[in-house]
Amino acid sequence: MSEAEDLAIQDTTGLTDADWAEINKLRNAHKNGGAKAVKRVMQQLLAKDVIQYVRVIAAFYPDMMRETIRDQMAEAGITEEDIRELLQKAEQKLDGISGTKQ
């Protein structure tokens, strides 16, 4: 795969305007400075906001990001069911705070 193909967006799901700004920074870095510049911008984003970093990288490499997250969860002993339970508990707490049901 060429470097240009590496910077092709594969999945725009959940991207915010701020994410698009970071994607444009990455593209400009690639255009003006190549792979080293892209690496520098990616490291800056990671240091600034790890969640946004994950969203941006997932836009370029969605399958790789999903596999990496699953692998890291497995290494930590966390199952998909554990995550679902955490989300359900969080939703219940929010419902209790706001007094609404979904």
Protein backbone atom coordinates (compact mmCIF):
# COMPACT_ATOMS: atom_id res chain seq x y z
CA MET A 1 0.00 0.00 0.00
CA SER A 2 1.36 3.43 -0.92
CA GLU A 3 1.62 6.28 1.58
CA ALA A 4 -1.27 8.07 -0.18
CA GLU A 5 -3.46 5.00 0.28
CA ASP A 6 -2.39 4.82 3.93
CA LEU A 7 -3.97 8.26 4.47
CA ALA A 8 -7.29 7.30 2.89
CA ILE A 9 -10.23 7.47 5.30
CA GLN A 10 -11.93 4.08 5.62
CA ASP A 11 -14.60 4.84 8.24
CA THR A 12 -16.03 8.25 9.15
CA THR A 13 -18.32 6.89 11.87
CA GLY A 14 -18.30 9.08 14.95
CA LEU A 15 -15.78 11.63 13.70
CA THR A 16 -16.20 15.11 15.15
CA ASP A 17 -15.21 18.43 13.60
CA ALA A 18 -12.16 18.37 15.88
CA ASP A 19 -11.26 14.91 14.55
CA TRP A 20 -11.47 16.20 10.98
CA ALA A 21 -9.17 19.07 11.94
CA GLU A 22 -6.62 16.52 13.19
CA ILE A 23 -7.05 14.43 10.04
CA ASN A 24 -6.36 17.52 7.95
CA LYS A 25 -3.25 18.21 10.07
CA LEU A 26 -2.07 14.67 9.33
CA ARG A 27 -2.70 15.08 5.62
CA ASN A 28 -0.89 18.42 5.53
CA ALA A 29 2.01 16.97 7.50
CA HIS A 30 2.24 14.11 5.01
CA LYS A 31 2.08 16.45 2.03
CA ASN A 32 4.68 18.85 3.42
CA GLY A 33 6.98 16.64 5.47
CA GLY A 34 6.33 12.98 4.71
CA ALA A 35 6.21 10.08 7.12
CA LYS A 36 8.37 11.72 9.81
CA ALA A 37 6.05 14.73 9.95
CA VAL A 38 2.99 12.47 10.18
CA LYS A 39 4.60 10.56 13.04
CA ARG A 40 5.29 13.81 14.89
CA VAL A 41 1.68 15.02 14.49
CA MET A 42 0.36 11.63 15.62
CA GLN A 43 2.59 11.69 18.71
CA GLN A 44 1.35 15.20 19.55
CA LEU A 45 -2.27 14.09 19.23
CA LEU A 46 -1.65 11.04 21.40
CA ALA A 47 -0.09 13.21 24.10
CA LYS A 48 -2.95 15.71 23.88
CA ASP A 49 -6.01 13.41 23.76
CA VAL A 50 -5.79 9.61 23.65
CA ILE A 51 -9.53 9.18 22.92
CA GLN A 52 -9.37 11.49 19.92
CA TYR A 53 -6.20 9.72 18.79
CA VAL A 54 -8.08 6.40 18.78
CA ARG A 55 -10.99 7.89 16.78
CA VAL A 56 -8.65 9.42 14.21
CA ILE A 57 -6.52 6.28 13.79
CA ALA A 58 -9.69 4.17 13.59
CA ALA A 59 -10.88 6.34 10.70
CA PHE A 60 -7.79 5.28 8.74
CA TYR A 61 -7.47 1.71 10.03
CA PRO A 62 -10.82 0.57 11.49
CA ASP A 63 -10.14 -3.18 11.38
CA MET A 64 -6.69 -2.86 12.90
CA MET A 65 -8.00 -0.62 15.68
CA ARG A 66 -10.87 -3.00 16.53
CA GLU A 67 -8.48 -5.95 16.66
CA THR A 68 -6.01 -4.03 18.82
CA ILE A 69 -8.72 -3.02 21.28
CA ARG A 70 -10.03 -6.59 21.48
CA ASP A 71 -6.51 -7.95 22.01
CA GLN A 72 -5.76 -5.41 24.76
CA MET A 73 -9.08 -6.15 26.45
CA ALA A 74 -8.35 -9.89 26.35
CA GLU A 75 -4.89 -9.34 27.84
CA ALA A 76 -6.52 -7.37 30.66
CA GLY A 77 -9.16 -10.05 31.18
CA ILE A 78 -12.01 -7.80 30.06
CA THR A 79 -14.81 -9.32 28.00
CA GLU A 80 -17.29 -7.67 25.70
CA GLU A 81 -19.98 -8.63 28.24
CA ASP A 82 -18.05 -6.75 30.95
CA ILE A 83 -18.17 -3.61 28.81
CA ARG A 84 -21.89 -4.05 28.14
CA GLU A 85 -22.53 -4.37 31.88
CA LEU A 86 -20.50 -1.23 32.60
CA LEU A 87 -22.45 0.70 29.98
CA GLN A 88 -25.76 -0.56 31.33
CA LYS A 89 -24.83 0.50 34.88
CA ALA A 90 -23.70 3.92 33.65
CA GLU A 91 -26.97 4.38 31.73
CA GLN A 92 -28.95 3.42 34.83
CA LYS A 93 -27.04 5.98 36.91
CA LEU A 94 -27.65 8.67 34.28
CA ASP A 95 -31.34 7.77 34.18
CA GLY A 96 -31.46 8.10 37.96
CA ILE A 97 -29.78 11.50 37.85
CA SER A 98 -31.85 12.91 35.01
CA GLY A 99 -35.09 11.17 35.99
CA THR A 100 -35.63 9.91 32.45
CA LYS A 101 -35.76 6.46 30.92
CA GLN A 102 -34.58 5.45 27.49
